Amino acid sequence: MIPPRQIRMDTLVTTKRELALDALLAEDSTFYGDLFPHAVQWHGELYLEDGLHRALRAALQQRNVIHVRVLDLDALMPAEPAGQG
């Protein structure tokens, strides 16, 4: 339901500490899943929730942007008063 949009690679914050090299090198790594990485926007930051391997492949191809599905929680959640949260 969320259409992909172009995101600059240098604006994504990764959430995983480890990378599975076999998944990175697999040609069919997106066969069972979404073609686009998933990110969550929270307090102005874009957190890469799923798709680290696809983002790394794009970076290795020297691409500066990638198509990502972004769930914008900033738009869904009401703004909190300063000093809370």
N, C-alpha and C. Protein backbone atom coordinates (compact mmCIF):
# COMPACT_ATOMS: atom_id res chain seq x y z
N MET A 1 0.81 -1.20 0.00
CA MET A 1 0.00 0.00 0.00
C MET A 1 0.86 1.27 0.00
N ILE A 2 2.10 1.15 0.44
CA ILE A 2 2.98 2.32 0.47
C ILE A 2 3.84 2.30 -0.78
N PRO A 3 3.69 3.30 -1.64
CA PRO A 3 4.49 3.30 -2.87
C PRO A 3 5.95 3.63 -2.56
N PRO A 4 6.87 3.03 -3.31
CA PRO A 4 8.28 3.35 -3.09
C PRO A 4 8.60 4.76 -3.56
N ARG A 5 9.58 5.37 -2.92
CA ARG A 5 10.05 6.68 -3.33
C ARG A 5 11.58 6.69 -3.26
N GLN A 6 12.19 7.59 -4.01
CA GLN A 6 13.63 7.67 -4.03
C GLN A 6 14.15 8.32 -2.75
N ILE A 7 15.14 7.67 -2.16
CA ILE A 7 15.76 8.16 -0.94
C ILE A 7 17.27 8.17 -1.15
N ARG A 8 17.90 9.23 -0.70
CA ARG A 8 19.38 9.28 -0.77
C ARG A 8 19.95 8.26 0.20
N MET A 9 20.93 7.51 -0.25
CA MET A 9 21.53 6.46 0.57
C MET A 9 22.13 7.02 1.86
N ASP A 10 22.69 8.23 1.80
CA ASP A 10 23.35 8.78 2.98
C ASP A 10 22.39 9.30 4.04
N THR A 11 21.07 9.22 3.79
CA THR A 11 20.09 9.63 4.80
C THR A 11 19.52 8.45 5.57
N LEU A 12 19.87 7.23 5.18
CA LEU A 12 19.33 6.04 5.84
C LEU A 12 20.18 5.65 7.05
N VAL A 13 19.51 5.33 8.14
CA VAL A 13 20.16 4.82 9.35
C VAL A 13 19.86 3.34 9.42
N THR A 14 20.90 2.51 9.49
CA THR A 14 20.68 1.07 9.55
C THR A 14 20.33 0.65 10.97
N THR A 15 19.58 -0.43 11.08
CA THR A 15 19.17 -0.93 12.39
C THR A 15 19.73 -2.31 12.68
N LYS A 16 20.44 -2.90 11.73
CA LYS A 16 21.02 -4.23 11.94
C LYS A 16 22.51 -4.10 12.20
N ARG A 17 23.03 -4.98 13.06
CA ARG A 17 24.45 -4.95 13.40
C ARG A 17 25.26 -5.91 12.55
N GLU A 18 24.60 -6.90 11.95
CA GLU A 18 25.32 -7.91 11.19
C GLU A 18 24.71 -8.05 9.80
N LEU A 19 25.54 -8.48 8.88
CA LEU A 19 25.13 -8.68 7.50
C LEU A 19 25.39 -10.13 7.12
N ALA A 20 24.40 -10.81 6.60
CA ALA A 20 24.57 -12.19 6.15
C ALA A 20 25.12 -12.18 4.73
N LEU A 21 26.38 -12.55 4.58
CA LEU A 21 27.04 -12.48 3.28
C LEU A 21 26.35 -13.38 2.26
N ASP A 22 25.83 -14.52 2.67
CA ASP A 22 25.14 -15.40 1.73
C ASP A 22 23.89 -14.74 1.16
N ALA A 23 23.19 -13.95 1.96
CA ALA A 23 22.00 -13.23 1.47
C ALA A 23 22.40 -12.10 0.52
N LEU A 24 23.54 -11.49 0.79
CA LEU A 24 24.01 -10.40 -0.08
C LEU A 24 24.34 -10.93 -1.47
N LEU A 25 24.95 -12.09 -1.52
CA LEU A 25 25.42 -12.64 -2.78
C LEU A 25 24.37 -13.46 -3.53
N ALA A 26 23.27 -13.79 -2.87
CA ALA A 26 22.23 -14.62 -3.50
C ALA A 26 21.51 -13.84 -4.60
N GLU A 27 21.41 -14.44 -5.77
CA GLU A 27 20.74 -13.77 -6.89
C GLU A 27 19.23 -13.70 -6.70
N ASP A 28 18.66 -14.63 -5.93
CA ASP A 28 17.21 -14.67 -5.74
C ASP A 28 16.80 -14.13 -4.38
N SER A 29 17.60 -13.22 -3.81
CA SER A 29 17.34 -12.75 -2.45
C SER A 29 16.02 -12.01 -2.31
N THR A 30 15.48 -11.46 -3.39
CA THR A 30 14.19 -10.75 -3.31
C THR A 30 13.06 -11.57 -3.92
N PHE A 31 13.32 -12.83 -4.25
CA PHE A 31 12.31 -13.65 -4.90
C PHE A 31 11.07 -13.82 -4.02
N TYR A 32 11.26 -14.01 -2.73
CA TYR A 32 10.12 -14.25 -1.83
C TYR A 32 9.66 -13.00 -1.11
N GLY A 33 10.34 -11.90 -1.27
CA GLY A 33 9.98 -10.70 -0.54
C GLY A 33 9.71 -9.53 -1.44
N ASP A 34 9.64 -8.38 -0.84
CA ASP A 34 9.41 -7.13 -1.56
C ASP A 34 10.67 -6.75 -2.33
N LEU A 35 10.48 -6.14 -3.47
CA LEU A 35 11.63 -5.68 -4.26
C LEU A 35 12.28 -4.45 -3.64
N PHE A 36 11.55 -3.75 -2.78
CA PHE A 36 12.02 -2.49 -2.23
C PHE A 36 12.31 -2.61 -0.74
N PRO A 37 13.39 -1.99 -0.27
CA PRO A 37 13.64 -1.94 1.17
C PRO A 37 12.52 -1.17 1.88
N HIS A 38 12.40 -1.41 3.18
CA HIS A 38 11.40 -0.73 3.99
C HIS A 38 12.11 0.14 5.01
N ALA A 39 11.62 1.36 5.19
CA ALA A 39 12.17 2.28 6.18
C ALA A 39 11.03 2.90 6.97
N VAL A 40 11.38 3.37 8.15
CA VAL A 40 10.44 4.07 9.02
C VAL A 40 11.01 5.45 9.30
N GLN A 41 10.18 6.48 9.08
CA GLN A 41 10.61 7.83 9.43
C GLN A 41 10.10 8.14 10.82
N TRP A 42 11.03 8.47 11.72
CA TRP A 42 10.69 8.76 13.11
C TRP A 42 11.53 9.94 13.56
N HIS A 43 10.88 11.02 13.98
CA HIS A 43 11.56 12.25 14.42
C HIS A 43 12.56 12.74 13.38
N GLY A 44 12.15 12.70 12.12
CA GLY A 44 12.96 13.24 11.05
C GLY A 44 14.06 12.33 10.53
N GLU A 45 14.28 11.18 11.15
CA GLU A 45 15.31 10.23 10.72
C GLU A 45 14.66 9.08 9.96
N LEU A 46 15.37 8.57 8.96
CA LEU A 46 14.89 7.42 8.19
C LEU A 46 15.65 6.18 8.62
N TYR A 47 14.96 5.25 9.28
CA TYR A 47 15.56 4.02 9.78
C TYR A 47 15.25 2.88 8.81
N LEU A 48 16.28 2.24 8.30
CA LEU A 48 16.12 1.13 7.37
C LEU A 48 15.70 -0.09 8.17
N GLU A 49 14.43 -0.45 8.05
CA GLU A 49 13.86 -1.54 8.84
C GLU A 49 14.12 -2.89 8.18
N ASP A 50 14.05 -2.94 6.87
CA ASP A 50 14.26 -4.18 6.13
C ASP A 50 14.86 -3.81 4.78
N GLY A 51 15.81 -4.61 4.32
CA GLY A 51 16.38 -4.35 3.01
C GLY A 51 17.83 -3.91 3.04
N LEU A 52 18.53 -4.19 4.14
CA LEU A 52 19.93 -3.81 4.24
C LEU A 52 20.75 -4.39 3.09
N HIS A 53 20.47 -5.64 2.72
CA HIS A 53 21.23 -6.27 1.65
C HIS A 53 20.99 -5.57 0.31
N ARG A 54 19.75 -5.18 0.06
CA ARG A 54 19.45 -4.45 -1.19
C ARG A 54 20.12 -3.09 -1.20
N ALA A 55 20.13 -2.42 -0.05
CA ALA A 55 20.78 -1.11 0.03
C ALA A 55 22.29 -1.25 -0.16
N LEU A 56 22.88 -2.28 0.41
CA LEU A 56 24.32 -2.48 0.25
C LEU A 56 24.66 -2.80 -1.20
N ARG A 57 23.84 -3.62 -1.84
CA ARG A 57 24.07 -3.92 -3.26
C ARG A 57 24.04 -2.63 -4.08
N ALA A 58 23.08 -1.76 -3.79
CA ALA A 58 22.99 -0.48 -4.50
C ALA A 58 24.24 0.38 -4.23
N ALA A 59 24.71 0.38 -2.99
CA ALA A 59 25.91 1.15 -2.66
C ALA A 59 27.13 0.59 -3.39
N LEU A 60 27.23 -0.73 -3.48
CA LEU A 60 28.35 -1.35 -4.19
C LEU A 60 28.32 -1.04 -5.69
N GLN A 61 27.13 -0.74 -6.20
CA GLN A 61 26.98 -0.34 -7.60
C GLN A 61 27.16 1.16 -7.76
N GLN A 62 27.58 1.82 -6.69
CA GLN A 62 27.84 3.26 -6.65
C GLN A 62 26.61 4.10 -6.95
N ARG A 63 25.45 3.62 -6.50
CA ARG A 63 24.22 4.39 -6.65
C ARG A 63 24.05 5.26 -5.42
N ASN A 64 23.63 6.50 -5.62
CA ASN A 64 23.44 7.45 -4.52
C ASN A 64 22.03 7.44 -3.96
N VAL A 65 21.08 6.93 -4.74
CA VAL A 65 19.68 6.87 -4.31
C VAL A 65 19.17 5.45 -4.49
N ILE A 66 18.13 5.14 -3.74
CA ILE A 66 17.50 3.83 -3.82
C ILE A 66 16.00 4.04 -3.61
N HIS A 67 15.19 3.20 -4.24
CA HIS A 67 13.74 3.26 -4.04
C HIS A 67 13.40 2.50 -2.76
N VAL A 68 12.68 3.16 -1.85
CA VAL A 68 12.36 2.62 -0.54
C VAL A 68 10.89 2.88 -0.24
N ARG A 69 10.25 1.93 0.41
CA ARG A 69 8.90 2.16 0.94
C ARG A 69 9.08 2.74 2.35
N VAL A 70 8.54 3.93 2.57
CA VAL A 70 8.75 4.63 3.84
C VAL A 70 7.42 4.76 4.59
N LEU A 71 7.40 4.22 5.80
CA LEU A 71 6.26 4.44 6.70
C LEU A 71 6.60 5.68 7.52
N ASP A 72 5.88 6.76 7.28
CA ASP A 72 6.17 8.04 7.92
C ASP A 72 5.39 8.15 9.22
N LEU A 73 6.03 7.75 10.32
CA LEU A 73 5.37 7.83 11.62
C LEU A 73 5.23 9.27 12.09
N ASP A 74 6.11 10.14 11.61
CA ASP A 74 5.99 11.57 11.96
C ASP A 74 4.65 12.12 11.49
N ALA A 75 4.19 11.67 10.32
CA ALA A 75 2.93 12.16 9.77
C ALA A 75 1.73 11.49 10.46
N LEU A 76 1.93 10.28 10.99
CA LEU A 76 0.83 9.54 11.61
C LEU A 76 0.63 9.87 13.08
N MET A 77 1.71 10.30 13.75
CA MET A 77 1.64 10.56 15.18
C MET A 77 1.51 12.05 15.42
N PRO A 78 0.68 12.46 16.36
CA PRO A 78 0.59 13.89 16.68
C PRO A 78 1.89 14.36 17.31
N ALA A 79 2.24 15.60 17.06
CA ALA A 79 3.46 16.19 17.62
C ALA A 79 3.34 16.27 19.13
N GLU A 80 4.45 15.92 19.82
CA GLU A 80 4.47 15.99 21.28
C GLU A 80 4.99 17.36 21.70
N PRO A 81 4.48 17.87 22.81
CA PRO A 81 4.99 19.14 23.32
C PRO A 81 6.49 19.04 23.63
N ALA A 82 7.20 20.13 23.53
CA ALA A 82 8.65 20.14 23.80
C ALA A 82 8.92 19.65 25.21
N GLY A 83 9.97 18.83 25.35
CA GLY A 83 10.35 18.32 26.66
C GLY A 83 9.71 16.99 27.00
N GLN A 84 8.84 16.48 26.14
CA GLN A 84 8.22 15.16 26.39
C GLN A 84 8.64 14.20 25.30
N GLY A 85 8.56 12.90 25.60
CA GLY A 85 8.80 11.91 24.58
C GLY A 85 10.10 11.28 24.71
